Amino acid sequence: MATQKSHIRKNDMVKVLSGKDRGKTGKVLKVLPARNRVVVENINFIKRHTRANPQRNIQGGVLEKELPIVASNLIVICPECNEPTRVGRRQLENGRNVRVCKKCDGVMDKL
């Protein structure tokens, strides 16, 4: 299965469209294109019960961590207009391909 180019990149601000965290926004920490999933800051938390392991210097207890969320359940927030928007692509005069906001037509990638 070939990986498809994602509309979401690391350090983007995104809004969750569906699931238990619907409506929340967060920053993208990691993109997993092979699984079509994204890890978002403070979204999709789980509680992990871990046993203490003194040899590895691991303290036991209940730890919270973020799990990946499906990329299709997220929408990118434009840094210029601060609105959730779909992403388009455009080629600049210098030949570089960039992502653009469908609402304000602003460039989403840093130049």
PDB file of N, CA and C in Angstrom:
ATOM      1  N   MET A   1       0.838  -1.175   0.000  1.00  0.00           N
ATOM      2  CA  MET A   1       0.000   0.000   0.000  1.00  0.00           C
ATOM      3  C   MET A   1       0.888   1.246   0.000  1.00  0.00           C
ATOM      4  N   ALA A   2       0.714   2.101  -0.989  1.00  0.00           N
ATOM      5  CA  ALA A   2       1.520   3.307  -1.096  1.00  0.00           C
ATOM      6  C   ALA A   2       0.985   4.383  -0.162  1.00  0.00           C
ATOM      7  N   THR A   3       1.898   5.161   0.404  1.00  0.00           N
ATOM      8  CA  THR A   3       1.464   6.232   1.296  1.00  0.00           C
ATOM      9  C   THR A   3       1.061   7.444   0.472  1.00  0.00           C
ATOM     10  N   GLN A   4      -0.023   8.079   0.887  1.00  0.00           N
ATOM     11  CA  GLN A   4      -0.527   9.251   0.208  1.00  0.00           C
ATOM     12  C   GLN A   4      -0.002  10.495   0.899  1.00  0.00           C
ATOM     13  N   LYS A   5       0.279  11.551   0.150  1.00  0.00           N
ATOM     14  CA  LYS A   5       0.788  12.786   0.738  1.00  0.00           C
ATOM     15  C   LYS A   5      -0.300  13.398   1.606  1.00  0.00           C
ATOM     16  N   SER A   6       0.058  13.714   2.846  1.00  0.00           N
ATOM     17  CA  SER A   6      -0.919  14.183   3.814  1.00  0.00           C
ATOM     18  C   SER A   6      -1.088  15.697   3.738  1.00  0.00           C
ATOM     19  N   HIS A   7      -2.266  16.172   4.136  1.00  0.00           N
ATOM     20  CA  HIS A   7      -2.534  17.604   4.189  1.00  0.00           C
ATOM     21  C   HIS A   7      -2.079  18.198   5.510  1.00  0.00           C
ATOM     22  N   ILE A   8      -1.588  17.341   6.419  1.00  0.00           N
ATOM     23  CA  ILE A   8      -1.166  17.773   7.751  1.00  0.00           C
ATOM     24  C   ILE A   8       0.331  17.557   7.892  1.00  0.00           C
ATOM     25  N   ARG A   9       1.005  18.537   8.484  1.00  0.00           N
ATOM     26  CA  ARG A   9       2.437  18.433   8.731  1.00  0.00           C
ATOM     27  C   ARG A   9       2.737  18.710  10.194  1.00  0.00           C
ATOM     28  N   LYS A  10       3.941  18.366  10.609  1.00  0.00           N
ATOM     29  CA  LYS A  10       4.382  18.604  11.982  1.00  0.00           C
ATOM     30  C   LYS A  10       4.329  20.107  12.282  1.00  0.00           C
ATOM     31  N   ASN A  11       3.953  20.441  13.517  1.00  0.00           N
ATOM     32  CA  ASN A  11       3.833  21.807  14.031  1.00  0.00           C
ATOM     33  C   ASN A  11       2.622  22.566  13.496  1.00  0.00           C
ATOM     34  N   ASP A  12       1.728  21.926  12.728  1.00  0.00           N
ATOM     35  CA  ASP A  12       0.471  22.558  12.322  1.00  0.00           C
ATOM     36  C   ASP A  12      -0.479  22.610  13.507  1.00  0.00           C
ATOM     37  N   MET A  13      -1.350  23.611  13.536  1.00  0.00           N
ATOM     38  CA  MET A  13      -2.455  23.645  14.490  1.00  0.00           C
ATOM     39  C   MET A  13      -3.637  22.979  13.805  1.00  0.00           C
ATOM     40  N   VAL A  14      -4.271  22.037  14.496  1.00  0.00           N
ATOM     41  CA  VAL A  14      -5.388  21.307  13.911  1.00  0.00           C
ATOM     42  C   VAL A  14      -6.579  21.303  14.864  1.00  0.00           C
ATOM     43  N   LYS A  15      -7.767  21.072  14.298  1.00  0.00           N
ATOM     44  CA  LYS A  15      -8.994  20.946  15.065  1.00  0.00           C
ATOM     45  C   LYS A  15      -9.549  19.552  14.822  1.00  0.00           C
ATOM     46  N   VAL A  16     -10.049  18.912  15.888  1.00  0.00           N
ATOM     47  CA  VAL A  16     -10.596  17.554  15.784  1.00  0.00           C
ATOM     48  C   VAL A  16     -12.043  17.647  15.321  1.00  0.00           C
ATOM     49  N   LEU A  17     -12.386  16.876  14.271  1.00  0.00           N
ATOM     50  CA  LEU A  17     -13.725  16.903  13.693  1.00  0.00           C
ATOM     51  C   LEU A  17     -14.654  15.849  14.285  1.00  0.00           C
ATOM     52  N   SER A  18     -14.112  14.712  14.726  1.00  0.00           N
ATOM     53  CA  SER A  18     -14.975  13.658  15.248  1.00  0.00           C
ATOM     54  C   SER A  18     -14.238  12.857  16.303  1.00  0.00           C
ATOM     55  N   GLY A  19     -15.015  12.179  17.134  1.00  0.00           N
ATOM     56  CA  GLY A  19     -14.449  11.367  18.195  1.00  0.00           C
ATOM     57  C   GLY A  19     -14.701  11.995  19.550  1.00  0.00           C
ATOM     58  N   LYS A  20     -14.099  11.408  20.565  1.00  0.00           N
ATOM     59  CA  LYS A  20     -14.345  11.874  21.935  1.00  0.00           C
ATOM     60  C   LYS A  20     -13.771  13.258  22.204  1.00  0.00           C
ATOM     61  N   ASP A  21     -12.796  13.695  21.407  1.00  0.00           N
ATOM     62  CA  ASP A  21     -12.166  15.005  21.588  1.00  0.00           C
ATOM     63  C   ASP A  21     -12.650  16.028  20.565  1.00  0.00           C
ATOM     64  N   ARG A  22     -13.848  15.828  19.990  1.00  0.00           N
ATOM     65  CA  ARG A  22     -14.358  16.704  18.936  1.00  0.00           C
ATOM     66  C   ARG A  22     -14.422  18.156  19.408  1.00  0.00           C
ATOM     67  N   GLY A  23     -13.923  19.066  18.548  1.00  0.00           N
ATOM     68  CA  GLY A  23     -13.939  20.485  18.858  1.00  0.00           C
ATOM     69  C   GLY A  23     -12.650  20.995  19.473  1.00  0.00           C
ATOM     70  N   LYS A  24     -11.812  20.114  19.992  1.00  0.00           N
ATOM     71  CA  LYS A  24     -10.555  20.542  20.610  1.00  0.00           C
ATOM     72  C   LYS A  24      -9.519  20.865  19.537  1.00  0.00           C
ATOM     73  N   THR A  25      -8.589  21.755  19.890  1.00  0.00           N
ATOM     74  CA  THR A  25      -7.507  22.091  18.982  1.00  0.00           C
ATOM     75  C   THR A  25      -6.178  21.754  19.640  1.00  0.00           C
ATOM     76  N   GLY A  26      -5.176  21.513  18.821  1.00  0.00           N
ATOM     77  CA  GLY A  26      -3.852  21.190  19.341  1.00  0.00           C
ATOM     78  C   GLY A  26      -2.803  21.254  18.258  1.00  0.00           C
ATOM     79  N   LYS A  27      -1.554  21.140  18.681  1.00  0.00           N
ATOM     80  CA  LYS A  27      -0.402  21.201  17.780  1.00  0.00           C
ATOM     81  C   LYS A  27       0.027  19.780  17.417  1.00  0.00           C
ATOM     82  N   VAL A  28       0.368  19.565  16.161  1.00  0.00           N
ATOM     83  CA  VAL A  28       0.793  18.252  15.684  1.00  0.00           C
ATOM     84  C   VAL A  28       2.215  17.980  16.173  1.00  0.00           C
ATOM     85  N   LEU A  29       2.382  16.852  16.886  1.00  0.00           N
ATOM     86  CA  LEU A  29       3.698  16.468  17.394  1.00  0.00           C
ATOM     87  C   LEU A  29       4.425  15.529  16.445  1.00  0.00           C
ATOM     88  N   LYS A  30       3.675  14.615  15.819  1.00  0.00           N
ATOM     89  CA  LYS A  30       4.289  13.609  14.954  1.00  0.00           C
ATOM     90  C   LYS A  30       3.285  13.175  13.894  1.00  0.00           C
ATOM     91  N   VAL A  31       3.752  12.943  12.674  1.00  0.00           N
ATOM     92  CA  VAL A  31       2.910  12.452  11.583  1.00  0.00           C
ATOM     93  C   VAL A  31       3.390  11.053  11.221  1.00  0.00           C
ATOM     94  N   LEU A  32       2.447  10.104  11.136  1.00  0.00           N
ATOM     95  CA  LEU A  32       2.748   8.718  10.767  1.00  0.00           C
ATOM     96  C   LEU A  32       2.073   8.420   9.432  1.00  0.00           C
ATOM     97  N   PRO A  33       2.714   8.767   8.298  1.00  0.00           N
ATOM     98  CA  PRO A  33       2.046   8.647   6.998  1.00  0.00           C
ATOM     99  C   PRO A  33       1.735   7.209   6.580  1.00  0.00           C
ATOM    100  N   ALA A  34       2.529   6.253   7.015  1.00  0.00           N
ATOM    101  CA  ALA A  34       2.288   4.861   6.624  1.00  0.00           C
ATOM    102  C   ALA A  34       0.977   4.344   7.203  1.00  0.00           C
ATOM    103  N   ARG A  35       0.601   4.844   8.390  1.00  0.00           N
ATOM    104  CA  ARG A  35      -0.639   4.410   9.041  1.00  0.00           C
ATOM    105  C   ARG A  35      -1.745   5.447   8.922  1.00  0.00           C
ATOM    106  N   ASN A  36      -1.483   6.575   8.227  1.00  0.00           N
ATOM    107  CA  ASN A  36      -2.443   7.666   8.048  1.00  0.00           C
ATOM    108  C   ASN A  36      -2.919   8.202   9.392  1.00  0.00           C
ATOM    109  N   ARG A  37      -1.999   8.354  10.327  1.00  0.00           N
ATOM    110  CA  ARG A  37      -2.334   8.816  11.674  1.00  0.00           C
ATOM    111  C   ARG A  37      -1.424   9.961  12.090  1.00  0.00           C
ATOM    112  N   VAL A  38      -1.896  10.717  13.085  1.00  0.00           N
ATOM    113  CA  VAL A  38      -1.191  11.900  13.557  1.00  0.00           C
ATOM    114  C   VAL A  38      -1.263  11.923  15.078  1.00  0.00           C
ATOM    115  N   VAL A  39      -0.156  12.293  15.735  1.00  0.00           N
ATOM    116  CA  VAL A  39      -0.148  12.485  17.186  1.00  0.00           C
ATOM    117  C   VAL A  39      -0.293  13.978  17.443  1.00  0.00           C
ATOM    118  N   VAL A  40      -1.351  14.350  18.211  1.00  0.00           N
ATOM    119  CA  VAL A  40      -1.652  15.748  18.478  1.00  0.00           C
ATOM    120  C   VAL A  40      -1.502  16.008  19.973  1.00  0.00           C
ATOM    121  N   GLU A  41      -0.939  17.162  20.304  1.00  0.00           N
ATOM    122  CA  GLU A  41      -0.693  17.540  21.692  1.00  0.00           C
ATOM    123  C   GLU A  41      -2.015  17.666  22.461  1.00  0.00           C
ATOM    124  N   ASN A  42      -2.103  16.992  23.613  1.00  0.00           N
ATOM    125  CA  ASN A  42      -3.260  17.014  24.509  1.00  0.00           C
ATOM    126  C   ASN A  42      -4.552  16.484  23.893  1.00  0.00           C
ATOM    127  N   ILE A  43      -4.452  15.618  22.883  1.00  0.00           N
ATOM    128  CA  ILE A  43      -5.623  15.007  22.245  1.00  0.00           C
ATOM    129  C   ILE A  43      -5.453  13.494  22.286  1.00  0.00           C
ATOM    130  N   ASN A  44      -6.557  12.765  22.508  1.00  0.00           N
ATOM    131  CA  ASN A  44      -6.597  11.301  22.491  1.00  0.00           C
ATOM    132  C   ASN A  44      -5.702  10.706  23.583  1.00  0.00           C
ATOM    133  N   PHE A  45      -5.871  11.195  24.803  1.00  0.00           N
ATOM    134  CA  PHE A  45      -5.121  10.684  25.949  1.00  0.00           C
ATOM    135  C   PHE A  45      -5.653   9.324  26.370  1.00  0.00           C
ATOM    136  N   ILE A  46      -4.744   8.438  26.807  1.00  0.00           N
ATOM    137  CA  ILE A  46      -5.130   7.179  27.436  1.00  0.00           C
ATOM    138  C   ILE A  46      -4.376   7.066  28.750  1.00  0.00           C
ATOM    139  N   LYS A  47      -4.893   6.229  29.622  1.00  0.00           N
ATOM    140  CA  LYS A  47      -4.212   5.944  30.878  1.00  0.00           C
ATOM    141  C   LYS A  47      -3.536   4.589  30.736  1.00  0.00           C
ATOM    142  N   ARG A  48      -2.241   4.572  30.987  1.00  0.00           N
ATOM    143  CA  ARG A  48      -1.453   3.353  30.853  1.00  0.00           C
ATOM    144  C   ARG A  48      -0.971   2.933  32.237  1.00  0.00           C
ATOM    145  N   HIS A  49      -1.363   1.757  32.675  1.00  0.00           N
ATOM    146  CA  HIS A  49      -0.940   1.248  33.973  1.00  0.00           C
ATOM    147  C   HIS A  49       0.392   0.535  33.791  1.00  0.00           C
ATOM    148  N   THR A  50       1.427   1.034  34.449  1.00  0.00           N
ATOM    149  CA  THR A  50       2.762   0.469  34.272  1.00  0.00           C
ATOM    150  C   THR A  50       3.294  -0.058  35.600  1.00  0.00           C
ATOM    151  N   ARG A  51       4.035  -1.130  35.500  1.00  0.00           N
ATOM    152  CA  ARG A  51       4.681  -1.728  36.674  1.00  0.00           C
ATOM    153  C   ARG A  51       6.056  -1.086  36.853  1.00  0.00           C
ATOM    154  N   ALA A  52       6.436  -0.873  38.081  1.00  0.00           N
ATOM    155  CA  ALA A  52       7.738  -0.277  38.368  1.00  0.00           C
ATOM    156  C   ALA A  52       8.852  -1.237  37.976  1.00  0.00           C
ATOM    157  N   ASN A  53       9.933  -0.681  37.427  1.00  0.00           N
ATOM    158  CA  ASN A  53      11.094  -1.466  37.042  1.00  0.00           C
ATOM    159  C   ASN A  53      12.342  -0.689  37.456  1.00  0.00           C
ATOM    160  N   PRO A  54      12.887  -1.004  38.639  1.00  0.00           N
ATOM    161  CA  PRO A  54      14.050  -0.247  39.138  1.00  0.00           C
ATOM    162  C   PRO A  54      15.287  -0.375  38.257  1.00  0.00           C
ATOM    163  N   GLN A  55      15.432  -1.505  37.537  1.00  0.00           N
ATOM    164  CA  GLN A  55      16.614  -1.689  36.687  1.00  0.00           C
ATOM    165  C   GLN A  55      16.627  -0.686  35.541  1.00  0.00           C
ATOM    166  N   ARG A  56      15.463  -0.378  34.994  1.00  0.00           N
ATOM    167  CA  ARG A  56      15.367   0.585  33.900  1.00  0.00           C
ATOM    168  C   ARG A  56      15.042   1.992  34.391  1.00  0.00           C
ATOM    169  N   ASN A  57      14.955   2.132  35.713  1.00  0.00           N
ATOM    170  CA  ASN A  57      14.642   3.420  36.322  1.00  0.00           C
ATOM    171  C   ASN A  57      13.252   3.913  35.910  1.00  0.00           C
ATOM    172  N   ILE A  58      12.285   2.974  35.845  1.00  0.00           N
ATOM    173  CA  ILE A  58      10.902   3.300  35.504  1.00  0.00           C
ATOM    174  C   ILE A  58      10.074   3.278  36.778  1.00  0.00           C
ATOM    175  N   GLN A  59       9.374   4.370  37.005  1.00  0.00           N
ATOM    176  CA  GLN A  59       8.511   4.449  38.170  1.00  0.00           C
ATOM    177  C   GLN A  59       7.130   3.928  37.787  1.00  0.00           C
ATOM    178  N   GLY A  60       6.534   3.133  38.653  1.00  0.00           N
ATOM    179  CA  GLY A  60       5.226   2.554  38.358  1.00  0.00           C
ATOM    180  C   GLY A  60       4.100   3.534  38.599  1.00  0.00           C
ATOM    181  N   GLY A  61       2.905   3.147  38.185  1.00  0.00           N
ATOM    182  CA  GLY A  61       1.720   3.973  38.398  1.00  0.00           C
ATOM    183  C   GLY A  61       0.919   4.117  37.127  1.00  0.00           C
ATOM    184  N   VAL A  62       0.000   5.050  37.154  1.00  0.00           N
ATOM    185  CA  VAL A  62      -0.853   5.313  36.000  1.00  0.00           C
ATOM    186  C   VAL A  62      -0.276   6.500  35.243  1.00  0.00           C
ATOM    187  N   LEU A  63       0.152   6.261  34.002  1.00  0.00           N
ATOM    188  CA  LEU A  63       0.719   7.303  33.155  1.00  0.00           C
ATOM    189  C   LEU A  63      -0.293   7.681  32.074  1.00  0.00           C
ATOM    190  N   GLU A  64      -0.337   8.944  31.724  1.00  0.00           N
ATOM    191  CA  GLU A  64      -1.181   9.382  30.616  1.00  0.00           C
ATOM    192  C   GLU A  64      -0.293   9.691  29.426  1.00  0.00           C
ATOM    193  N   LYS A  65      -0.730   9.250  28.256  1.00  0.00           N
ATOM    194  CA  LYS A  65       0.025   9.563  27.048  1.00  0.00           C
ATOM    195  C   LYS A  65      -0.925   9.723  25.874  1.00  0.00           C
ATOM    196  N   GLU A  66      -0.438  10.416  24.823  1.00  0.00           N
ATOM    197  CA  GLU A  66      -1.248  10.650  23.638  1.00  0.00           C
ATOM    198  C   GLU A  66      -1.064   9.497  22.663  1.00  0.00           C
ATOM    199  N   LEU A  67      -2.173   9.055  22.084  1.00  0.00           N
ATOM    200  CA  LEU A  67      -2.141   8.049  21.033  1.00  0.00           C
ATOM    201  C   LEU A  67      -2.402   8.731  19.696  1.00  0.00           C
ATOM    202  N   PRO A  68      -1.988   8.094  18.599  1.00  0.00           N
ATOM    203  CA  PRO A  68      -2.267   8.675  17.284  1.00  0.00           C
ATOM    204  C   PRO A  68      -3.765   8.707  16.992  1.00  0.00           C
ATOM    205  N   ILE A  69      -4.177   9.702  16.210  1.00  0.00           N
ATOM    206  CA  ILE A  69      -5.562   9.849  15.780  1.00  0.00           C
ATOM    207  C   ILE A  69      -5.563   9.826  14.250  1.00  0.00           C
ATOM    208  N   VAL A  70      -6.623   9.332  13.645  1.00  0.00           N
ATOM    209  CA  VAL A  70      -6.709   9.226  12.189  1.00  0.00           C
ATOM    210  C   VAL A  70      -6.690  10.634  11.581  1.00  0.00           C
ATOM    211  N   ALA A  71      -5.880  10.819  10.543  1.00  0.00           N
ATOM    212  CA  ALA A  71      -5.678  12.140   9.945  1.00  0.00           C
ATOM    213  C   ALA A  71      -6.948  12.696   9.319  1.00  0.00           C
ATOM    214  N   SER A  72      -7.858  11.829   8.867  1.00  0.00           N
ATOM    215  CA  SER A  72      -9.087  12.314   8.240  1.00  0.00           C
ATOM    216  C   SER A  72     -10.043  12.926   9.251  1.00  0.00           C
ATOM    217  N   ASN A  73      -9.809  12.713  10.555  1.00  0.00           N
ATOM    218  CA  ASN A  73     -10.651  13.305  11.590  1.00  0.00           C
ATOM    219  C   ASN A  73     -10.145  14.675  12.027  1.00  0.00           C
ATOM    220  N   LEU A  74      -9.158  15.218  11.316  1.00  0.00           N
ATOM    221  CA  LEU A  74      -8.561  16.507  11.670  1.00  0.00           C
ATOM    222  C   LEU A  74      -8.685  17.483  10.516  1.00  0.00           C
ATOM    223  N   ILE A  75      -8.759  18.778  10.856  1.00  0.00           N
ATOM    224  CA  ILE A  75      -8.723  19.829   9.839  1.00  0.00           C
ATOM    225  C   ILE A  75      -7.696  20.861  10.278  1.00  0.00           C
ATOM    226  N   VAL A  76      -6.946  21.369   9.316  1.00  0.00           N
ATOM    227  CA  VAL A  76      -5.858  22.305   9.597  1.00  0.00           C
ATOM    228  C   VAL A  76      -6.428  23.698   9.874  1.00  0.00           C
ATOM    229  N   ILE A  77      -5.841  24.401  10.847  1.00  0.00           N
ATOM    230  CA  ILE A  77      -6.211  25.782  11.142  1.00  0.00           C
ATOM    231  C   ILE A  77      -5.196  26.687  10.462  1.00  0.00           C
ATOM    232  N   CYS A  78      -5.690  27.599   9.626  1.00  0.00           N
ATOM    233  CA  CYS A  78      -4.817  28.507   8.876  1.00  0.00           C
ATOM    234  C   CYS A  78      -4.133  29.477   9.832  1.00  0.00           C
ATOM    235  N   PRO A  79      -2.806  29.650   9.729  1.00  0.00           N
ATOM    236  CA  PRO A  79      -2.109  30.574  10.622  1.00  0.00           C
ATOM    237  C   PRO A  79      -2.421  32.045  10.327  1.00  0.00           C
ATOM    238  N   GLU A  80      -2.886  32.368   9.130  1.00  0.00           N
ATOM    239  CA  GLU A  80      -3.168  33.764   8.774  1.00  0.00           C
ATOM    240  C   GLU A  80      -4.564  34.199   9.210  1.00  0.00           C
ATOM    241  N   CYS A  81      -5.601  33.425   8.827  1.00  0.00           N
ATOM    242  CA  CYS A  81      -6.971  33.827   9.153  1.00  0.00           C
ATOM    243  C   CYS A  81      -7.485  33.157  10.418  1.00  0.00           C
ATOM    244  N   ASN A  82      -6.725  32.224  10.991  1.00  0.00           N
ATOM    245  CA  ASN A  82      -7.081  31.536  12.237  1.00  0.00           C
ATOM    246  C   ASN A  82      -8.398  30.776  12.142  1.00  0.00           C
ATOM    247  N   GLU A  83      -8.725  30.267  10.966  1.00  0.00           N
ATOM    248  CA  GLU A  83      -9.960  29.513  10.737  1.00  0.00           C
ATOM    249  C   GLU A  83      -9.621  28.086  10.316  1.00  0.00           C
ATOM    250  N   PRO A  84     -10.453  27.102  10.699  1.00  0.00           N
ATOM    251  CA  PRO A  84     -10.273  25.749  10.170  1.00  0.00           C
ATOM    252  C   PRO A  84     -10.582  25.758   8.675  1.00  0.00           C
ATOM    253  N   THR A  85      -9.706  25.190   7.889  1.00  0.00           N
ATOM    254  CA  THR A  85      -9.868  25.278   6.447  1.00  0.00           C
ATOM    255  C   THR A  85      -9.313  24.057   5.742  1.00  0.00           C
ATOM    256  N   ARG A  86      -9.795  23.833   4.537  1.00  0.00           N
ATOM    257  CA  ARG A  86      -9.223  22.802   3.683  1.00  0.00           C
ATOM    258  C   ARG A  86      -7.935  23.345   3.079  1.00  0.00           C
ATOM    259  N   VAL A  87      -7.112  22.433   2.603  1.00  0.00           N
ATOM    260  CA  VAL A  87      -5.781  22.805   2.126  1.00  0.00           C
ATOM    261  C   VAL A  87      -5.714  22.621   0.617  1.00  0.00           C
ATOM    262  N   GLY A  88      -5.224  23.656  -0.073  1.00  0.00           N
ATOM    263  CA  GLY A  88      -4.954  23.565  -1.496  1.00  0.00           C
ATOM    264  C   GLY A  88      -3.457  23.611  -1.730  1.00  0.00           C
ATOM    265  N   ARG A  89      -3.059  23.397  -2.958  1.00  0.00           N
ATOM    266  CA  ARG A  89      -1.637  23.446  -3.288  1.00  0.00           C
ATOM    267  C   ARG A  89      -1.427  24.397  -4.456  1.00  0.00           C
ATOM    268  N   ARG A  90      -0.296  25.118  -4.406  1.00  0.00           N
ATOM    269  CA  ARG A  90       0.022  26.065  -5.460  1.00  0.00           C
ATOM    270  C   ARG A  90       1.520  26.087  -5.660  1.00  0.00           C
ATOM    271  N   GLN A  91       1.934  26.370  -6.896  1.00  0.00           N
ATOM    272  CA  GLN A  91       3.354  26.492  -7.200  1.00  0.00           C
ATOM    273  C   GLN A  91       3.707  27.973  -7.283  1.00  0.00           C
ATOM    274  N   LEU A  92       4.721  28.379  -6.527  1.00  0.00           N
ATOM    275  CA  LEU A  92       5.151  29.780  -6.527  1.00  0.00           C
ATOM    276  C   LEU A  92       6.003  30.078  -7.749  1.00  0.00           C
ATOM    277  N   GLU A  93       6.347  31.369  -7.917  1.00  0.00           N
ATOM    278  CA  GLU A  93       7.143  31.792  -9.074  1.00  0.00           C
ATOM    279  C   GLU A  93       8.515  31.124  -9.097  1.00  0.00           C
ATOM    280  N   ASN A  94       9.071  30.870  -7.886  1.00  0.00           N
ATOM    281  CA  ASN A  94      10.395  30.247  -7.827  1.00  0.00           C
ATOM    282  C   ASN A  94      10.337  28.729  -8.026  1.00  0.00           C
ATOM    283  N   GLY A  95       9.152  28.174  -8.282  1.00  0.00           N
ATOM    284  CA  GLY A  95       9.014  26.756  -8.559  1.00  0.00           C
ATOM    285  C   GLY A  95       8.718  25.900  -7.346  1.00  0.00           C
ATOM    286  N   ARG A  96       8.595  26.520  -6.167  1.00  0.00           N
ATOM    287  CA  ARG A  96       8.351  25.769  -4.940  1.00  0.00           C
ATOM    288  C   ARG A  96       6.855  25.516  -4.754  1.00  0.00           C
ATOM    289  N   ASN A  97       6.498  24.294  -4.380  1.00  0.00           N
ATOM    290  CA  ASN A  97       5.108  23.955  -4.103  1.00  0.00           C
ATOM    291  C   ASN A  97       4.797  24.251  -2.644  1.00  0.00           C
ATOM    292  N   VAL A  98       3.698  24.952  -2.382  1.00  0.00           N
ATOM    293  CA  VAL A  98       3.295  25.306  -1.028  1.00  0.00           C
ATOM    294  C   VAL A  98       1.819  24.955  -0.824  1.00  0.00           C
ATOM    295  N   ARG A  99       1.439  24.841   0.457  1.00  0.00           N
ATOM    296  CA  ARG A  99       0.036  24.637   0.807  1.00  0.00           C
ATOM    297  C   ARG A  99      -0.617  25.999   0.992  1.00  0.00           C
ATOM    298  N   VAL A 100      -1.848  26.141   0.510  1.00  0.00           N
ATOM    299  CA  VAL A 100      -2.566  27.413   0.643  1.00  0.00           C
ATOM    300  C   VAL A 100      -3.916  27.174   1.303  1.00  0.00           C
ATOM    301  N   CYS A 101      -4.399  28.199   1.993  1.00  0.00           N
ATOM    302  CA  CYS A 101      -5.692  28.183   2.660  1.00  0.00           C
ATOM    303  C   CYS A 101      -6.779  28.379   1.615  1.00  0.00           C
ATOM    304  N   LYS A 102      -7.838  27.570   1.669  1.00  0.00           N
ATOM    305  CA  LYS A 102      -8.935  27.696   0.716  1.00  0.00           C
ATOM    306  C   LYS A 102      -9.842  28.876   1.041  1.00  0.00           C
ATOM    307  N   LYS A 103      -9.773  29.394   2.293  1.00  0.00           N
ATOM    308  CA  LYS A 103     -10.645  30.504   2.677  1.00  0.00           C
ATOM    309  C   LYS A 103     -10.015  31.857   2.384  1.00  0.00           C
ATOM    310  N   CYS A 104      -8.779  32.068   2.867  1.00  0.00           N
ATOM    311  CA  CYS A 104      -8.154  33.389   2.707  1.00  0.00           C
ATOM    312  C   CYS A 104      -7.089  33.413   1.616  1.00  0.00           C
ATOM    313  N   ASP A 105      -6.822  32.266   1.001  1.00  0.00           N
ATOM    314  CA  ASP A 105      -5.823  32.154  -0.074  1.00  0.00           C
ATOM    315  C   ASP A 105      -4.412  32.468   0.406  1.00  0.00           C
ATOM    316  N   GLY A 106      -4.170  32.376   1.716  1.00  0.00           N
ATOM    317  CA  GLY A 106      -2.851  32.645   2.277  1.00  0.00           C
ATOM    318  C   GLY A 106      -1.970  31.406   2.260  1.00  0.00           C
ATOM    319  N   VAL A 107      -0.664  31.617   2.234  1.00  0.00           N
ATOM    320  CA  VAL A 107       0.298  30.518   2.212  1.00  0.00           C
ATOM    321  C   VAL A 107       0.432  29.958   3.635  1.00  0.00           C
ATOM    322  N   MET A 108       0.317  28.636   3.784  1.00  0.00           N
ATOM    323  CA  MET A 108       0.381  28.004   5.091  1.00  0.00           C
ATOM    324  C   MET A 108       1.786  27.557   5.460  1.00  0.00           C
ATOM    325  N   ASP A 109       2.652  27.386   4.498  1.00  0.00           N
ATOM    326  CA  ASP A 109       4.020  26.933   4.757  1.00  0.00           C
ATOM    327  C   ASP A 109       4.943  28.126   4.966  1.00  0.00           C
ATOM    328  N   LYS A 110       5.949  27.908   5.814  1.00  0.00           N
ATOM    329  CA  LYS A 110       6.950  28.953   6.047  1.00  0.00           C
ATOM    330  C   LYS A 110       7.848  29.038   4.832  1.00  0.00           C
ATOM    331  N   LEU A 111       8.129  30.255   4.412  1.00  0.00           N
ATOM    332  CA  LEU A 111       8.963  30.439   3.210  1.00  0.00           C
ATOM    333  C   LEU A 111      10.408  30.619   3.548  1.00  0.00           C
TER     334      LEU A 111
END
